[in-house]
Amino acid sequence: MRWKTWWLPLWLGCALGSVYLLPQAGETAQSAAKKNLPGNEGGWWFKPMGPTEAEVGTLGSETEFAKAICLKPRKDEYDLDGNIIPDRIDLSVVLSGSDLNSSIHRPERCMSAQGHLITSSGNLDIKLPNGRMFDAKRLISVQTFPGKKGAPAIKLNCVTYYFFVGHDQITDDHWERTFIDIKDRLIRGMDQRWAYISVSMWYGKTPMLDKEIPLSEADGKLSDFLTNFVLEQVDWSQIKR
């Protein structure tokens, strides 16, 4: 039956295009995620960062950003000057505005502008001590930094986890988030602010270490960091599933 081959893309296109026709809702439901970052947590020091020009220019004016470089000393590891060598995790919390048309989007769309070439994508379960569990997207990429003053470019292996936190739901799927927005606006008469949370870490050969960090070590530290961070930064009494 040939109609099946064209009906599904047509239906999907109409559904996604309906975002531009949705009425503006009167009520705005806030994300269960907190925007304000801690100064220290779990032995990590949070160094605040501002958004990039690309982020500010791409997303709506109501978008709010909370970003940080997170550092934690590696046990018994020092450089030649006796300084502590830290692990580094890059953290980003982006809180959308109420306008779906200029809201947050899949990070895969903007990671290339930050020098990332994504080589694989998958999903993983994050389990919390409070018994809750949610899915996160896991991306493997190679991030390229241009060399300064004619020096060769620097290429670093990177692993990234991300997901979206709405008013009462968590998802790692951009399309599911879009359909939740459409349903809430049509059925519940409610705008919903979403928080996009991502954490990333370099592995292999990195600028801070003489030895290589195995991917398994980076995965373990990202998972531990995210578990502690989300436990405190999300109001779990709001989350239904």
Protein backbone atom coordinates (compact mmCIF):
# COMPACT_ATOMS: atom_id res chain seq x y z
CA MET A 1 0.00 0.00 0.00
CA ARG A 2 1.76 3.09 -1.25
CA TRP A 3 -0.30 5.50 0.83
CA LYS A 4 1.55 4.32 3.92
CA THR A 5 4.84 5.56 2.49
CA TRP A 6 3.67 9.17 2.19
CA TRP A 7 0.97 9.39 4.88
CA LEU A 8 3.29 9.19 7.90
CA PRO A 9 5.71 11.96 6.76
CA LEU A 10 2.71 14.14 5.83
CA TRP A 11 1.07 13.61 9.21
CA LEU A 12 4.32 14.28 11.08
CA GLY A 13 4.96 17.45 9.11
CA CYS A 14 1.45 18.75 9.81
CA ALA A 15 1.76 17.96 13.52
CA LEU A 16 5.07 19.76 13.88
CA GLY A 17 3.88 22.67 11.73
CA SER A 18 0.91 23.14 14.04
CA VAL A 19 3.30 24.59 16.63
CA TYR A 20 3.16 27.88 14.70
CA LEU A 21 -0.66 27.90 14.88
CA LEU A 22 -1.05 27.19 18.58
CA PRO A 23 -2.72 29.88 20.69
CA GLN A 24 -0.78 31.63 23.37
CA ALA A 25 -1.69 30.09 26.70
CA GLY A 26 -2.42 32.18 29.74
CA GLU A 27 -0.64 30.10 32.37
CA THR A 28 3.09 29.38 32.43
CA ALA A 29 4.19 26.23 34.26
CA GLN A 30 7.74 26.52 35.54
CA SER A 31 10.33 23.80 35.04
CA ALA A 32 11.03 21.50 37.98
CA ALA A 33 14.73 22.26 37.49
CA LYS A 34 16.39 25.04 39.45
CA LYS A 35 18.37 27.57 37.44
CA ASN A 36 20.68 28.83 40.19
CA LEU A 37 23.82 26.72 40.42
CA PRO A 38 25.62 25.84 43.67
CA GLY A 39 29.09 27.19 44.38
CA ASN A 40 30.35 23.82 45.57
CA GLU A 41 28.76 20.38 45.60
CA GLY A 42 30.13 16.88 46.08
CA GLY A 43 33.70 18.14 46.08
CA TRP A 44 33.18 20.02 42.77
CA TRP A 45 33.83 23.75 42.46
CA PHE A 46 31.45 25.53 40.06
CA LYS A 47 33.06 28.37 38.09
CA PRO A 48 30.21 30.34 36.39
CA MET A 49 30.38 31.04 32.65
CA GLY A 50 28.27 33.19 30.35
CA PRO A 51 26.46 31.93 27.24
CA THR A 52 28.16 32.05 23.86
CA GLU A 53 27.16 34.59 21.22
CA ALA A 54 25.72 31.76 19.12
CA GLU A 55 23.45 30.68 21.99
CA VAL A 56 22.21 34.20 22.66
CA GLY A 57 21.63 34.87 18.97
CA THR A 58 19.87 31.57 18.23
CA LEU A 59 17.45 31.32 21.15
CA GLY A 60 14.59 33.60 22.19
CA SER A 61 15.01 36.67 24.36
CA GLU A 62 13.26 34.97 27.31
CA THR A 63 15.86 32.19 27.39
CA GLU A 64 17.92 32.04 30.60
CA PHE A 65 21.36 30.46 30.97
CA ALA A 66 23.30 28.97 33.86
CA LYS A 67 26.64 27.53 32.80
CA ALA A 68 29.76 26.52 34.70
CA ILE A 69 33.12 24.83 34.44
CA CYS A 70 33.15 22.30 37.28
CA LEU A 71 36.51 21.29 38.76
CA LYS A 72 37.41 18.62 41.30
CA PRO A 73 40.95 17.66 42.44
CA ARG A 74 42.19 14.27 41.26
CA LYS A 75 43.39 12.24 44.20
CA ASP A 76 47.17 12.47 44.80
CA GLU A 77 47.88 14.00 41.37
CA TYR A 78 49.98 17.17 41.06
CA ASP A 79 51.85 18.99 38.30
CA LEU A 80 55.59 19.76 38.39
CA ASP A 81 54.90 22.97 40.35
CA GLY A 82 52.97 21.10 43.02
CA ASN A 83 49.56 22.33 41.91
CA ILE A 84 46.56 20.04 42.20
CA ILE A 85 45.42 18.54 38.90
CA PRO A 86 41.62 18.67 38.57
CA ASP A 87 39.01 16.81 36.60
CA ARG A 88 36.84 19.10 34.48
CA ILE A 89 33.15 18.82 33.61
CA ASP A 90 31.34 21.45 31.54
CA LEU A 91 27.79 22.04 32.78
CA SER A 92 24.99 23.87 30.99
CA VAL A 93 21.43 24.62 32.16
CA VAL A 94 19.32 26.47 29.59
CA LEU A 95 15.80 27.53 30.59
CA SER A 96 13.43 28.11 27.67
CA GLY A 97 11.00 30.94 27.20
CA SER A 98 7.28 30.44 26.58
CA ASP A 99 7.56 30.82 22.78
CA LEU A 100 7.87 27.32 21.30
CA ASN A 101 9.14 28.71 18.00
CA SER A 102 12.33 30.15 19.56
CA SER A 103 12.69 27.74 22.46
CA ILE A 104 15.52 25.36 23.25
CA HIS A 105 16.31 22.65 20.71
CA ARG A 106 18.35 19.50 20.21
CA PRO A 107 21.97 20.23 21.17
CA GLU A 108 23.12 18.28 18.12
CA ARG A 109 22.01 21.33 16.10
CA CYS A 110 24.48 23.71 17.74
CA MET A 111 27.34 21.45 18.85
CA SER A 112 28.95 21.67 15.42
CA ALA A 113 29.32 25.44 15.95
CA GLN A 114 31.34 24.61 19.07
CA GLY A 115 33.71 22.39 17.08
CA HIS A 116 32.05 19.02 17.77
CA LEU A 117 31.84 16.23 15.22
CA ILE A 118 29.38 13.70 16.69
CA THR A 119 30.44 10.12 15.99
CA SER A 120 27.81 8.17 17.95
CA SER A 121 24.57 8.66 19.87
CA GLY A 122 22.73 6.48 22.37
CA ASN A 123 20.64 6.44 25.54
CA LEU A 124 21.34 5.50 29.13
CA ASP A 125 19.39 5.17 32.37
CA ILE A 126 20.32 7.44 35.27
CA LYS A 127 19.27 5.96 38.62
CA LEU A 128 19.07 8.17 41.73
CA PRO A 129 19.36 7.29 45.42
CA ASN A 130 15.75 8.44 45.94
CA GLY A 131 14.56 5.58 43.73
CA ARG A 132 13.74 7.77 40.72
CA MET A 133 15.14 7.07 37.27
CA PHE A 134 15.24 8.97 33.97
CA ASP A 135 16.75 8.63 30.49
CA ALA A 136 19.61 10.75 29.20
CA LYS A 137 21.04 11.03 25.71
CA ARG A 138 24.73 10.11 25.41
CA LEU A 139 26.83 11.60 22.61
CA ILE A 140 30.40 10.79 21.64
CA SER A 141 32.17 13.50 19.66
CA VAL A 142 35.52 14.89 18.60
CA GLN A 143 35.89 18.57 19.48
CA THR A 144 38.33 20.65 17.42
CA PHE A 145 39.90 23.89 18.67
CA PRO A 146 41.73 26.08 16.12
CA GLY A 147 45.43 26.48 16.79
CA LYS A 148 46.66 29.89 17.88
CA LYS A 149 49.14 31.88 15.74
CA GLY A 150 49.39 29.20 13.09
CA ALA A 151 49.74 26.28 15.50
CA PRO A 152 48.03 22.98 14.56
CA ALA A 153 44.42 22.50 15.61
CA ILE A 154 43.75 20.60 18.85
CA LYS A 155 41.34 17.66 18.73
CA LEU A 156 39.81 16.29 21.94
CA ASN A 157 37.52 13.31 22.48
CA CYS A 158 34.35 14.26 24.34
CA VAL A 159 31.38 12.48 25.94
CA THR A 160 28.16 14.43 26.60
CA TYR A 161 24.94 13.58 28.48
CA TYR A 162 21.80 15.68 28.10
CA PHE A 163 18.05 15.68 28.83
CA PHE A 164 15.07 18.05 29.23
CA VAL A 165 13.21 18.83 32.47
CA GLY A 166 9.69 20.20 32.14
CA HIS A 167 7.11 21.13 34.75
CA ASP A 168 6.28 17.52 35.65
CA GLN A 169 8.13 15.33 33.14
CA ILE A 170 11.70 14.48 32.08
CA THR A 171 12.65 13.29 28.62
CA ASP A 172 15.79 12.98 26.53
CA ASP A 173 13.82 13.08 23.27
CA HIS A 174 13.33 16.43 21.53
CA TRP A 175 10.28 15.27 19.56
CA GLU A 176 8.56 13.88 22.66
CA ARG A 177 9.16 17.23 24.35
CA THR A 178 7.61 19.02 21.37
CA PHE A 179 4.47 16.87 21.44
CA ILE A 180 4.15 17.33 25.22
CA ASP A 181 4.21 21.10 24.61
CA ILE A 182 1.53 20.87 21.93
CA LYS A 183 -0.69 18.66 24.12
CA ASP A 184 -0.31 20.88 27.19
CA ARG A 185 -1.15 24.03 25.26
CA LEU A 186 -4.18 22.51 23.52
CA ILE A 187 -5.59 20.36 26.35
CA ARG A 188 -4.38 22.00 29.54
CA GLY A 189 -4.17 25.59 28.26
CA MET A 190 -0.66 25.85 29.66
CA ASP A 191 2.72 27.05 28.47
CA GLN A 192 5.58 24.99 29.83
CA ARG A 193 9.14 26.14 30.46
CA TRP A 194 11.72 23.45 29.89
CA ALA A 195 15.26 23.25 31.21
CA TYR A 196 17.86 21.65 28.98
CA ILE A 197 20.64 20.16 31.14
CA SER A 198 23.90 18.89 29.67
CA VAL A 199 27.23 17.77 31.09
CA SER A 200 30.33 16.91 29.10
CA MET A 201 33.86 15.71 29.77
CA TRP A 202 36.97 15.19 27.68
CA TYR A 203 38.61 11.80 27.70
CA GLY A 204 41.69 10.25 26.16
CA LYS A 205 44.52 12.79 25.93
CA THR A 206 43.46 16.08 27.55
CA PRO A 207 45.20 19.45 28.10
CA MET A 208 45.25 19.03 31.90
CA LEU A 209 46.77 15.56 32.20
CA ASP A 210 49.90 13.81 30.96
CA LYS A 211 48.15 10.43 30.98
CA GLU A 212 45.05 9.44 29.06
CA ILE A 213 41.60 9.23 30.67
CA PRO A 214 39.72 6.06 29.61
CA LEU A 215 36.20 6.58 28.28
CA SER A 216 34.91 4.32 31.09
CA GLU A 217 36.42 6.69 33.68
CA ALA A 218 34.82 9.73 32.04
CA ASP A 219 31.45 7.94 31.90
CA GLY A 220 31.69 7.01 35.57
CA LYS A 221 32.53 10.55 36.69
CA LEU A 222 29.83 12.12 34.52
CA SER A 223 27.25 9.68 35.89
CA ASP A 224 28.28 10.32 39.51
CA PHE A 225 28.30 14.09 38.99
CA LEU A 226 24.92 14.09 37.27
CA THR A 227 23.34 11.86 39.91
CA ASN A 228 24.30 14.23 42.73
CA PHE A 229 23.53 17.37 40.74
CA VAL A 230 20.06 16.31 39.58
CA LEU A 231 19.11 15.00 43.01
CA GLU A 232 19.49 18.53 44.39
CA GLN A 233 18.63 20.67 41.36
CA VAL A 234 15.29 19.08 40.42
CA ASP A 235 12.10 19.35 42.50
CA TRP A 236 11.17 15.68 42.41
CA SER A 237 7.80 16.31 44.06
CA GLN A 238 6.71 17.86 40.72
CA ILE A 239 7.88 15.01 38.51
CA LYS A 240 5.14 12.53 37.64
CA ARG A 241 7.27 10.19 35.53
